[in-house]
PDB file of N, CA and C in Angstrom:
ATOM      1  N   MET A   1     120.581 168.096 113.153  1.00  0.00           N
ATOM      2  CA  MET A   1     121.618 167.640 112.196  1.00  0.00           C
ATOM      3  C   MET A   1     121.758 168.593 111.094  1.00  0.00           C
ATOM      4  N   GLN A   2     122.951 168.761 110.655  1.00  0.00           N
ATOM      5  CA  GLN A   2     123.277 169.600 109.508  1.00  0.00           C
ATOM      6  C   GLN A   2     122.471 169.114 108.278  1.00  0.00           C
ATOM      7  N   ASN A   3     121.819 169.870 107.565  1.00  0.00           N
ATOM      8  CA  ASN A   3     121.031 169.421 106.459  1.00  0.00           C
ATOM      9  C   ASN A   3     121.568 169.765 105.065  1.00  0.00           C
ATOM     10  N   PHE A   4     122.851 170.010 105.034  1.00  0.00           N
ATOM     11  CA  PHE A   4     123.513 170.362 103.753  1.00  0.00           C
ATOM     12  C   PHE A   4     124.697 169.293 103.658  1.00  0.00           C
ATOM     13  N   PRO A   5     125.130 169.105 102.348  1.00  0.00           N
ATOM     14  CA  PRO A   5     126.118 168.062 102.153  1.00  0.00           C
ATOM     15  C   PRO A   5     127.530 168.500 102.788  1.00  0.00           C
ATOM     16  N   PHE A   6     128.304 167.438 102.951  1.00  0.00           N
ATOM     17  CA  PHE A   6     129.770 167.623 103.362  1.00  0.00           C
ATOM     18  C   PHE A   6     130.535 167.232 102.181  1.00  0.00           C
ATOM     19  N   ARG A   7     131.603 167.988 101.858  1.00  0.00           N
ATOM     20  CA  ARG A   7     132.483 167.658 100.789  1.00  0.00           C
ATOM     21  C   ARG A   7     133.921 167.522 101.341  1.00  0.00           C
ATOM     22  N   GLN A   8     134.539 166.472 100.910  1.00  0.00           N
ATOM     23  CA  GLN A   8     136.019 166.264 101.265  1.00  0.00           C
ATOM     24  C   GLN A   8     136.673 165.783 100.006  1.00  0.00           C
ATOM     25  N   GLY A   9     137.318 166.698  99.351  1.00  0.00           N
ATOM     26  CA  GLY A   9     137.937 166.414  98.037  1.00  0.00           C
ATOM     27  C   GLY A   9     136.841 165.911  96.968  1.00  0.00           C
ATOM     28  N   ASP A  10     137.111 164.728  96.459  1.00  0.00           N
ATOM     29  CA  ASP A  10     136.210 164.177  95.434  1.00  0.00           C
ATOM     30  C   ASP A  10     135.125 163.391  96.035  1.00  0.00           C
ATOM     31  N   VAL A  11     134.777 163.461  97.368  1.00  0.00           N
ATOM     32  CA  VAL A  11     133.748 162.765  97.906  1.00  0.00           C
ATOM     33  C   VAL A  11     132.755 163.749  98.546  1.00  0.00           C
ATOM     34  N   LEU A  12     131.434 163.487  98.154  1.00  0.00           N
ATOM     35  CA  LEU A  12     130.320 164.293  98.683  1.00  0.00           C
ATOM     36  C   LEU A  12     129.430 163.447  99.582  1.00  0.00           C
ATOM     37  N   ILE A  13     129.091 163.878 100.751  1.00  0.00           N
ATOM     38  CA  ILE A  13     128.295 163.100 101.657  1.00  0.00           C
ATOM     39  C   ILE A  13     126.954 163.881 101.870  1.00  0.00           C
ATOM     40  N   VAL A  14     125.916 163.310 101.468  1.00  0.00           N
ATOM     41  CA  VAL A  14     124.619 163.994 101.355  1.00  0.00           C
ATOM     42  C   VAL A  14     123.654 163.463 102.419  1.00  0.00           C
ATOM     43  N   PRO A  15     123.222 164.273 103.357  1.00  0.00           N
ATOM     44  CA  PRO A  15     122.298 163.778 104.431  1.00  0.00           C
ATOM     45  C   PRO A  15     120.996 163.352 103.753  1.00  0.00           C
ATOM     46  N   LEU A  16     120.453 162.247 104.343  1.00  0.00           N
ATOM     47  CA  LEU A  16     119.157 161.763 103.805  1.00  0.00           C
ATOM     48  C   LEU A  16     118.048 162.051 104.764  1.00  0.00           C
ATOM     49  N   ASN A  17     116.862 162.404 104.270  1.00  0.00           N
ATOM     50  CA  ASN A  17     115.734 162.692 105.101  1.00  0.00           C
ATOM     51  C   ASN A  17     115.102 161.292 105.642  1.00  0.00           C
ATOM     52  N   ASP A  18     115.076 160.322 104.784  1.00  0.00           N
ATOM     53  CA  ASP A  18     114.502 159.018 105.134  1.00  0.00           C
ATOM     54  C   ASP A  18     115.565 157.968 105.342  1.00  0.00           C
ATOM     55  N   LYS A  19     115.501 157.146 106.329  1.00  0.00           N
ATOM     56  CA  LYS A  19     116.457 156.124 106.644  1.00  0.00           C
ATOM     57  C   LYS A  19     116.251 154.953 105.589  1.00  0.00           C
ATOM     58  N   PRO A  20     117.361 154.627 104.938  1.00  0.00           N
ATOM     59  CA  PRO A  20     117.290 153.496 104.018  1.00  0.00           C
ATOM     60  C   PRO A  20     117.106 152.229 104.723  1.00  0.00           C
ATOM     61  N   ASN A  21     116.603 151.185 103.970  1.00  0.00           N
ATOM     62  CA  ASN A  21     116.374 149.842 104.578  1.00  0.00           C
ATOM     63  C   ASN A  21     117.754 149.149 104.438  1.00  0.00           C
ATOM     64  N   TYR A  22     118.583 149.226 105.463  1.00  0.00           N
ATOM     65  CA  TYR A  22     119.986 148.631 105.397  1.00  0.00           C
ATOM     66  C   TYR A  22     119.893 147.054 105.386  1.00  0.00           C
ATOM     67  N   ASP A  23     118.757 146.501 105.919  1.00  0.00           N
ATOM     68  CA  ASP A  23     118.624 145.108 105.782  1.00  0.00           C
ATOM     69  C   ASP A  23     118.611 144.452 104.404  1.00  0.00           C
ATOM     70  N   LYS A  24     118.251 145.366 103.402  1.00  0.00           N
ATOM     71  CA  LYS A  24     118.223 144.821 101.998  1.00  0.00           C
ATOM     72  C   LYS A  24     119.422 145.273 101.255  1.00  0.00           C
ATOM     73  N   MET A  25     120.503 145.751 101.961  1.00  0.00           N
ATOM     74  CA  MET A  25     121.715 146.179 101.281  1.00  0.00           C
ATOM     75  C   MET A  25     122.932 145.349 101.748  1.00  0.00           C
ATOM     76  N   GLU A  26     123.960 145.398 100.927  1.00  0.00           N
ATOM     77  CA  GLU A  26     125.161 144.688 101.260  1.00  0.00           C
ATOM     78  C   GLU A  26     126.101 145.582 102.045  1.00  0.00           C
ATOM     79  N   ARG A  27     126.502 145.094 103.153  1.00  0.00           N
ATOM     80  CA  ARG A  27     127.390 145.910 104.071  1.00  0.00           C
ATOM     81  C   ARG A  27     128.779 145.630 103.454  1.00  0.00           C
ATOM     82  N   THR A  28     129.452 146.794 103.184  1.00  0.00           N
ATOM     83  CA  THR A  28     130.794 146.711 102.589  1.00  0.00           C
ATOM     84  C   THR A  28     131.903 147.076 103.539  1.00  0.00           C
ATOM     85  N   SER A  29     131.558 147.534 104.712  1.00  0.00           N
ATOM     86  CA  SER A  29     132.561 147.765 105.734  1.00  0.00           C
ATOM     87  C   SER A  29     132.573 146.696 106.739  1.00  0.00           C
ATOM     88  N   LYS A  30     133.726 146.397 107.412  1.00  0.00           N
ATOM     89  CA  LYS A  30     133.935 145.383 108.331  1.00  0.00           C
ATOM     90  C   LYS A  30     133.903 145.986 109.714  1.00  0.00           C
ATOM     91  N   LYS A  31     133.305 145.301 110.646  1.00  0.00           N
ATOM     92  CA  LYS A  31     133.194 145.727 112.026  1.00  0.00           C
ATOM     93  C   LYS A  31     134.542 145.865 112.613  1.00  0.00           C
ATOM     94  N   GLY A  32     134.825 146.944 113.426  1.00  0.00           N
ATOM     95  CA  GLY A  32     136.124 147.101 114.057  1.00  0.00           C
ATOM     96  C   GLY A  32     137.200 147.644 113.102  1.00  0.00           C
ATOM     97  N   GLN A  33     136.877 147.890 111.810  1.00  0.00           N
ATOM     98  CA  GLN A  33     137.899 148.363 110.911  1.00  0.00           C
ATOM     99  C   GLN A  33     137.462 149.799 110.469  1.00  0.00           C
ATOM    100  N   PRO A  34     138.406 150.597 109.922  1.00  0.00           N
ATOM    101  CA  PRO A  34     138.056 151.891 109.367  1.00  0.00           C
ATOM    102  C   PRO A  34     136.990 151.727 108.247  1.00  0.00           C
ATOM    103  N   VAL A  35     136.072 152.667 108.151  1.00  0.00           N
ATOM    104  CA  VAL A  35     135.082 152.626 107.132  1.00  0.00           C
ATOM    105  C   VAL A  35     135.623 153.509 105.979  1.00  0.00           C
ATOM    106  N   VAL A  36     136.032 152.885 104.896  1.00  0.00           N
ATOM    107  CA  VAL A  36     136.673 153.535 103.795  1.00  0.00           C
ATOM    108  C   VAL A  36     135.582 154.013 102.767  1.00  0.00           C
ATOM    109  N   LEU A  37     135.383 155.275 102.616  1.00  0.00           N
ATOM    110  CA  LEU A  37     134.420 155.867 101.625  1.00  0.00           C
ATOM    111  C   LEU A  37     134.980 155.901 100.208  1.00  0.00           C
ATOM    112  N   ALA A  38     136.356 156.129 100.118  1.00  0.00           N
ATOM    113  CA  ALA A  38     136.974 156.101  98.788  1.00  0.00           C
ATOM    114  C   ALA A  38     138.472 155.887  99.033  1.00  0.00           C
ATOM    115  N   GLU A  39     138.953 155.070  98.122  1.00  0.00           N
ATOM    116  CA  GLU A  39     140.449 154.837  98.167  1.00  0.00           C
ATOM    117  C   GLU A  39     141.069 155.916  97.315  1.00  0.00           C
ATOM    118  N   GLY A  40     142.294 156.351  97.640  1.00  0.00           N
ATOM    119  CA  GLY A  40     143.100 157.188  96.826  1.00  0.00           C
ATOM    120  C   GLY A  40     143.983 156.496  95.907  1.00  0.00           C
ATOM    121  N   GLU A  41     143.540 156.307  94.630  1.00  0.00           N
ATOM    122  CA  GLU A  41     144.311 155.536  93.711  1.00  0.00           C
ATOM    123  C   GLU A  41     145.655 156.173  93.403  1.00  0.00           C
ATOM    124  N   ALA A  42     145.733 157.452  93.400  1.00  0.00           N
ATOM    125  CA  ALA A  42     147.041 158.112  93.013  1.00  0.00           C
ATOM    126  C   ALA A  42     147.963 158.227  94.202  1.00  0.00           C
ATOM    127  N   THR A  43     147.379 158.492  95.407  1.00  0.00           N
ATOM    128  CA  THR A  43     148.287 158.670  96.609  1.00  0.00           C
ATOM    129  C   THR A  43     148.289 157.562  97.559  1.00  0.00           C
ATOM    130  N   GLY A  44     147.353 156.674  97.492  1.00  0.00           N
ATOM    131  CA  GLY A  44     147.227 155.646  98.498  1.00  0.00           C
ATOM    132  C   GLY A  44     146.466 156.043  99.765  1.00  0.00           C
ATOM    133  N   HIS A  45     146.065 157.417  99.869  1.00  0.00           N
ATOM    134  CA  HIS A  45     145.333 157.795 100.965  1.00  0.00           C
ATOM    135  C   HIS A  45     143.833 157.556 100.833  1.00  0.00           C
ATOM    136  N   ALA A  46     143.116 157.488 101.908  1.00  0.00           N
ATOM    137  CA  ALA A  46     141.685 157.107 101.761  1.00  0.00           C
ATOM    138  C   ALA A  46     140.817 158.064 102.591  1.00  0.00           C
ATOM    139  N   HIS A  47     139.684 158.307 102.109  1.00  0.00           N
ATOM    140  CA  HIS A  47     138.663 159.060 102.886  1.00  0.00           C
ATOM    141  C   HIS A  47     138.045 158.001 103.758  1.00  0.00           C
ATOM    142  N   ARG A  48     138.199 158.200 105.116  1.00  0.00           N
ATOM    143  CA  ARG A  48     137.741 157.107 106.008  1.00  0.00           C
ATOM    144  C   ARG A  48     137.286 157.631 107.301  1.00  0.00           C
ATOM    145  N   ILE A  49     136.473 156.791 107.931  1.00  0.00           N
ATOM    146  CA  ILE A  49     136.036 157.066 109.332  1.00  0.00           C
ATOM    147  C   ILE A  49     136.626 155.934 110.214  1.00  0.00           C
ATOM    148  N   MET A  50     137.300 156.396 111.279  1.00  0.00           N
ATOM    149  CA  MET A  50     137.983 155.480 112.153  1.00  0.00           C
ATOM    150  C   MET A  50     137.042 155.056 113.266  1.00  0.00           C
ATOM    151  N   PRO A  51     137.211 153.805 113.730  1.00  0.00           N
ATOM    152  CA  PRO A  51     136.423 153.287 114.865  1.00  0.00           C
ATOM    153  C   PRO A  51     136.873 154.168 116.117  1.00  0.00           C
ATOM    154  N   GLU A  52     135.976 154.366 116.980  1.00  0.00           N
ATOM    155  CA  GLU A  52     136.264 155.167 118.195  1.00  0.00           C
ATOM    156  C   GLU A  52     136.202 154.161 119.446  1.00  0.00           C
ATOM    157  N   LYS A  53     137.195 154.165 120.275  1.00  0.00           N
ATOM    158  CA  LYS A  53     137.292 153.375 121.471  1.00  0.00           C
ATOM    159  C   LYS A  53     136.718 151.962 121.265  1.00  0.00           C
ATOM    160  N   ASN A  54     137.175 151.292 120.286  1.00  0.00           N
ATOM    161  CA  ASN A  54     136.903 149.929 119.980  1.00  0.00           C
ATOM    162  C   ASN A  54     135.481 149.801 119.619  1.00  0.00           C
ATOM    163  N   GLU A  55     134.803 150.827 119.171  1.00  0.00           N
ATOM    164  CA  GLU A  55     133.316 150.719 118.727  1.00  0.00           C
ATOM    165  C   GLU A  55     133.249 151.277 117.319  1.00  0.00           C
ATOM    166  N   ASP A  56     132.398 150.653 116.539  1.00  0.00           N
ATOM    167  CA  ASP A  56     132.193 151.231 115.261  1.00  0.00           C
ATOM    168  C   ASP A  56     131.443 152.597 115.291  1.00  0.00           C
ATOM    169  N   ALA A  57     132.007 153.557 114.582  1.00  0.00           N
ATOM    170  CA  ALA A  57     131.253 154.838 114.518  1.00  0.00           C
ATOM    171  C   ALA A  57     130.249 154.895 113.307  1.00  0.00           C
ATOM    172  N   ALA A  58     130.519 154.004 112.323  1.00  0.00           N
ATOM    173  CA  ALA A  58     129.707 154.066 111.125  1.00  0.00           C
ATOM    174  C   ALA A  58     129.734 152.729 110.371  1.00  0.00           C
ATOM    175  N   ALA A  59     128.979 152.560 109.310  1.00  0.00           N
ATOM    176  CA  ALA A  59     128.932 151.472 108.510  1.00  0.00           C
ATOM    177  C   ALA A  59     128.616 151.845 107.127  1.00  0.00           C
ATOM    178  N   LEU A  60     129.209 151.236 106.078  1.00  0.00           N
ATOM    179  CA  LEU A  60     129.042 151.531 104.743  1.00  0.00           C
ATOM    180  C   LEU A  60     128.154 150.330 103.979  1.00  0.00           C
ATOM    181  N   PHE A  61     127.182 150.797 103.213  1.00  0.00           N
ATOM    182  CA  PHE A  61     126.413 149.777 102.466  1.00  0.00           C
ATOM    183  C   PHE A  61     126.276 150.184 100.996  1.00  0.00           C
ATOM    184  N   MET A  62     126.050 149.184 100.232  1.00  0.00           N
ATOM    185  CA  MET A  62     125.832 149.349  98.764  1.00  0.00           C
ATOM    186  C   MET A  62     124.518 148.723  98.298  1.00  0.00           C
ATOM    187  N   LYS A  63     123.876 149.415  97.283  1.00  0.00           N
ATOM    188  CA  LYS A  63     122.694 148.821  96.625  1.00  0.00           C
ATOM    189  C   LYS A  63     122.573 149.467  95.277  1.00  0.00           C
ATOM    190  N   ASP A  64     122.486 148.690  94.275  1.00  0.00           N
ATOM    191  CA  ASP A  64     122.269 149.178  92.904  1.00  0.00           C
ATOM    192  C   ASP A  64     123.210 150.292  92.535  1.00  0.00           C
ATOM    193  N   GLY A  65     124.522 150.148  92.850  1.00  0.00           N
ATOM    194  CA  GLY A  65     125.494 151.105  92.457  1.00  0.00           C
ATOM    195  C   GLY A  65     125.544 152.392  93.276  1.00  0.00           C
ATOM    196  N   GLN A  66     124.669 152.445  94.375  1.00  0.00           N
ATOM    197  CA  GLN A  66     124.696 153.602  95.258  1.00  0.00           C
ATOM    198  C   GLN A  66     125.325 153.193  96.493  1.00  0.00           C
ATOM    199  N   THR A  67     126.074 154.142  97.096  1.00  0.00           N
ATOM    200  CA  THR A  67     126.763 153.901  98.460  1.00  0.00           C
ATOM    201  C   THR A  67     126.060 154.735  99.512  1.00  0.00           C
ATOM    202  N   PHE A  68     125.834 154.035 100.658  1.00  0.00           N
ATOM    203  CA  PHE A  68     125.132 154.658 101.806  1.00  0.00           C
ATOM    204  C   PHE A  68     126.006 154.564 103.027  1.00  0.00           C
ATOM    205  N   LEU A  69     126.023 155.636 103.895  1.00  0.00           N
ATOM    206  CA  LEU A  69     126.675 155.614 105.115  1.00  0.00           C
ATOM    207  C   LEU A  69     125.768 155.789 106.192  1.00  0.00           C
ATOM    208  N   GLN A  70     125.905 154.978 107.229  1.00  0.00           N
ATOM    209  CA  GLN A  70     125.097 155.065 108.402  1.00  0.00           C
ATOM    210  C   GLN A  70     126.084 155.433 109.556  1.00  0.00           C
ATOM    211  N   VAL A  71     125.928 156.616 110.072  1.00  0.00           N
ATOM    212  CA  VAL A  71     126.727 157.035 111.289  1.00  0.00           C
ATOM    213  C   VAL A  71     125.942 156.756 112.479  1.00  0.00           C
ATOM    214  N   THR A  72     126.518 155.832 113.432  1.00  0.00           N
ATOM    215  CA  THR A  72     125.842 155.340 114.486  1.00  0.00           C
ATOM    216  C   THR A  72     126.378 156.017 115.817  1.00  0.00           C
ATOM    217  N   ALA A  73     127.582 156.576 115.787  1.00  0.00           N
ATOM    218  CA  ALA A  73     128.106 157.307 116.902  1.00  0.00           C
ATOM    219  C   ALA A  73     127.423 158.691 116.968  1.00  0.00           C
ATOM    220  N   GLU A  74     127.535 159.330 118.042  1.00  0.00           N
ATOM    221  CA  GLU A  74     127.030 160.718 118.172  1.00  0.00           C
ATOM    222  C   GLU A  74     127.614 161.638 117.082  1.00  0.00           C
ATOM    223  N   GLU A  75     128.889 161.409 116.790  1.00  0.00           N
ATOM    224  CA  GLU A  75     129.463 161.988 115.635  1.00  0.00           C
ATOM    225  C   GLU A  75     130.685 161.152 115.231  1.00  0.00           C
ATOM    226  N   ALA A  76     131.040 161.194 113.965  1.00  0.00           N
ATOM    227  CA  ALA A  76     132.169 160.409 113.418  1.00  0.00           C
ATOM    228  C   ALA A  76     133.143 161.281 112.641  1.00  0.00           C
ATOM    229  N   LYS A  77     134.400 160.998 112.792  1.00  0.00           N
ATOM    230  CA  LYS A  77     135.484 161.856 112.165  1.00  0.00           C
ATOM    231  C   LYS A  77     135.766 161.287 110.856  1.00  0.00           C
ATOM    232  N   LEU A  78     135.543 162.087 109.814  1.00  0.00           N
ATOM    233  CA  LEU A  78     135.909 161.700 108.444  1.00  0.00           C
ATOM    234  C   LEU A  78     137.288 162.368 108.176  1.00  0.00           C
ATOM    235  N   VAL A  79     138.328 161.572 107.932  1.00  0.00           N
ATOM    236  CA  VAL A  79     139.652 161.984 107.810  1.00  0.00           C
ATOM    237  C   VAL A  79     140.233 161.628 106.485  1.00  0.00           C
ATOM    238  N   HIS A  80     141.236 162.369 106.061  1.00  0.00           N
ATOM    239  CA  HIS A  80     142.038 162.157 104.835  1.00  0.00           C
ATOM    240  C   HIS A  80     143.278 162.962 105.007  1.00  0.00           C
ATOM    241  N   GLU A  81     144.464 162.411 104.662  1.00  0.00           N
ATOM    242  CA  GLU A  81     145.679 163.083 104.842  1.00  0.00           C
ATOM    243  C   GLU A  81     145.860 164.396 104.136  1.00  0.00           C
ATOM    244  N   GLU A  82     145.078 164.597 103.089  1.00  0.00           N
ATOM    245  CA  GLU A  82     145.286 165.891 102.252  1.00  0.00           C
ATOM    246  C   GLU A  82     144.129 166.850 102.448  1.00  0.00           C
ATOM    247  N   HIS A  83     143.118 166.548 103.265  1.00  0.00           N
ATOM    248  CA  HIS A  83     141.855 167.416 103.399  1.00  0.00           C
ATOM    249  C   HIS A  83     141.681 167.621 104.868  1.00  0.00           C
ATOM    250  N   ASP A  84     140.778 168.694 105.123  1.00  0.00           N
ATOM    251  CA  ASP A  84     140.316 168.977 106.481  1.00  0.00           C
ATOM    252  C   ASP A  84     139.478 167.759 107.064  1.00  0.00           C
ATOM    253  N   MET A  85     139.563 167.578 108.283  1.00  0.00           N
ATOM    254  CA  MET A  85     138.687 166.626 108.997  1.00  0.00           C
ATOM    255  C   MET A  85     137.279 167.166 109.032  1.00  0.00           C
ATOM    256  N   HIS A  86     136.342 166.316 108.875  1.00  0.00           N
ATOM    257  CA  HIS A  86     134.927 166.712 109.152  1.00  0.00           C
ATOM    258  C   HIS A  86     134.285 165.848 110.226  1.00  0.00           C
ATOM    259  N   LEU A  87     133.469 166.394 110.992  1.00  0.00           N
ATOM    260  CA  LEU A  87     132.635 165.723 112.033  1.00  0.00           C
ATOM    261  C   LEU A  87     131.250 165.468 111.428  1.00  0.00           C
ATOM    262  N   LEU A  88     130.916 164.217 111.240  1.00  0.00           N
ATOM    263  CA  LEU A  88     129.633 163.884 110.647  1.00  0.00           C
ATOM    264  C   LEU A  88     128.663 163.524 111.869  1.00  0.00           C
ATOM    265  N   PRO A  89     127.572 164.239 112.064  1.00  0.00           N
ATOM    266  CA  PRO A  89     126.660 163.851 113.106  1.00  0.00           C
ATOM    267  C   PRO A  89     125.962 162.489 112.788  1.00  0.00           C
ATOM    268  N   ALA A  90     125.484 161.839 113.830  1.00  0.00           N
ATOM    269  CA  ALA A  90     124.760 160.600 113.661  1.00  0.00           C
ATOM    270  C   ALA A  90     123.606 160.810 112.595  1.00  0.00           C
ATOM    271  N   GLY A  91     123.383 159.818 111.760  1.00  0.00           N
ATOM    272  CA  GLY A  91     122.383 159.911 110.746  1.00  0.00           C
ATOM    273  C   GLY A  91     122.692 159.069 109.623  1.00  0.00           C
ATOM    274  N   ASP A  92     121.982 159.261 108.472  1.00  0.00           N
ATOM    275  CA  ASP A  92     122.028 158.494 107.318  1.00  0.00           C
ATOM    276  C   ASP A  92     122.444 159.341 106.144  1.00  0.00           C
ATOM    277  N   TYR A  93     123.286 158.843 105.281  1.00  0.00           N
ATOM    278  CA  TYR A  93     123.876 159.680 104.159  1.00  0.00           C
ATOM    279  C   TYR A  93     124.021 158.838 102.909  1.00  0.00           C
ATOM    280  N   GLU A  94     124.007 159.569 101.823  1.00  0.00           N
ATOM    281  CA  GLU A  94     124.526 158.911 100.573  1.00  0.00           C
ATOM    282  C   GLU A  94     125.846 159.443 100.259  1.00  0.00           C
ATOM    283  N   VAL A  95     126.739 158.605  99.809  1.00  0.00           N
ATOM    284  CA  VAL A  95     128.120 158.967  99.436  1.00  0.00           C
ATOM    285  C   VAL A  95     128.185 158.984  97.975  1.00  0.00           C
ATOM    286  N   VAL A  96     128.611 160.176  97.425  1.00  0.00           N
ATOM    287  CA  VAL A  96     128.645 160.419  95.942  1.00  0.00           C
ATOM    288  C   VAL A  96     130.112 160.663  95.622  1.00  0.00           C
ATOM    289  N   ARG A  97     130.667 160.016  94.619  1.00  0.00           N
ATOM    290  CA  ARG A  97     131.994 160.243  94.068  1.00  0.00           C
ATOM    291  C   ARG A  97     131.916 161.241  92.926  1.00  0.00           C
ATOM    292  N   GLN A  98     132.739 162.202  92.948  1.00  0.00           N
ATOM    293  CA  GLN A  98     132.744 163.128  91.808  1.00  0.00           C
ATOM    294  C   GLN A  98     133.200 162.476  90.613  1.00  0.00           C
ATOM    295  N   ARG A  99     132.580 162.906  89.492  1.00  0.00           N
ATOM    296  CA  ARG A  99     132.884 162.283  88.214  1.00  0.00           C
ATOM    297  C   ARG A  99     133.288 163.453  87.270  1.00  0.00           C
ATOM    298  N   GLU A 100     134.028 163.026  86.227  1.00  0.00           N
ATOM    299  CA  GLU A 100     134.612 164.013  85.244  1.00  0.00           C
ATOM    300  C   GLU A 100     134.323 163.505  83.848  1.00  0.00           C
ATOM    301  N   TYR A 101     134.206 164.437  82.987  1.00  0.00           N
ATOM    302  CA  TYR A 101     133.963 164.077  81.567  1.00  0.00           C
ATOM    303  C   TYR A 101     135.343 164.206  80.823  1.00  0.00           C
ATOM    304  N   THR A 102     135.499 163.128  79.942  1.00  0.00           N
ATOM    305  CA  THR A 102     136.576 163.186  78.952  1.00  0.00           C
ATOM    306  C   THR A 102     135.934 162.732  77.623  1.00  0.00           C
ATOM    307  N   PRO A 103     136.512 163.008  76.529  1.00  0.00           N
ATOM    308  CA  PRO A 103     135.876 162.613  75.246  1.00  0.00           C
ATOM    309  C   PRO A 103     135.648 161.158  75.145  1.00  0.00           C
ATOM    310  N   GLU A 104     136.538 160.334  75.889  1.00  0.00           N
ATOM    311  CA  GLU A 104     136.386 158.890  75.832  1.00  0.00           C
ATOM    312  C   GLU A 104     135.282 158.365  76.719  1.00  0.00           C
ATOM    313  N   GLU A 105     135.112 159.004  77.877  1.00  0.00           N
ATOM    314  CA  GLU A 105     134.155 158.422  78.859  1.00  0.00           C
ATOM    315  C   GLU A 105     133.842 159.423  79.983  1.00  0.00           C
ATOM    316  N   ILE A 106     132.857 159.134  80.724  1.00  0.00           N
ATOM    317  CA  ILE A 106     132.554 159.755  82.021  1.00  0.00           C
ATOM    318  C   ILE A 106     133.145 158.887  83.144  1.00  0.00           C
ATOM    319  N   ARG A 107     134.075 159.409  83.954  1.00  0.00           N
ATOM    320  CA  ARG A 107     134.728 158.494  84.921  1.00  0.00           C
ATOM    321  C   ARG A 107     134.788 159.139  86.288  1.00  0.00           C
ATOM    322  N   THR A 108     134.946 158.300  87.234  1.00  0.00           N
ATOM    323  CA  THR A 108     135.078 158.799  88.674  1.00  0.00           C
ATOM    324  C   THR A 108     136.449 159.411  88.864  1.00  0.00           C
ATOM    325  N   VAL A 109     136.429 160.596  89.511  1.00  0.00           N
ATOM    326  CA  VAL A 109     137.678 161.324  89.731  1.00  0.00           C
ATOM    327  C   VAL A 109     138.520 160.493  90.670  1.00  0.00           C
ATOM    328  N   LEU A 110     139.809 160.407  90.354  1.00  0.00           N
ATOM    329  CA  LEU A 110     140.785 159.669  91.156  1.00  0.00           C
ATOM    330  C   LEU A 110     141.427 160.659  92.069  1.00  0.00           C
ATOM    331  N   ASP A 111     141.516 160.414  93.367  1.00  0.00           N
ATOM    332  CA  ASP A 111     142.116 161.263  94.378  1.00  0.00           C
ATOM    333  C   ASP A 111     143.691 161.002  94.485  1.00  0.00           C
TER     334      ASP A 111
END
């Protein structure tokens, strides 16, 4: 497995060495639906993984403000209308949204 992060716009996908305990997390993706890592507030586009051949390729989980991605297919296609497609190998990842500083606040970058 690739051991360095994937970046697609304002989304960073970091491979994890240890498998998280998904049983203790909230699953935020629905079976049979695209797995949306980040919604595009400005454009309406989304960073997402599409199900392959009626099977889930991945699942998204949340715990304590952190987002985790479990890729269960041999590889999953991460797509977005304005960015290159990435193939994510099977494995466990943390999903990190880029943040920016303004004098008023530190906020998540809107795509």
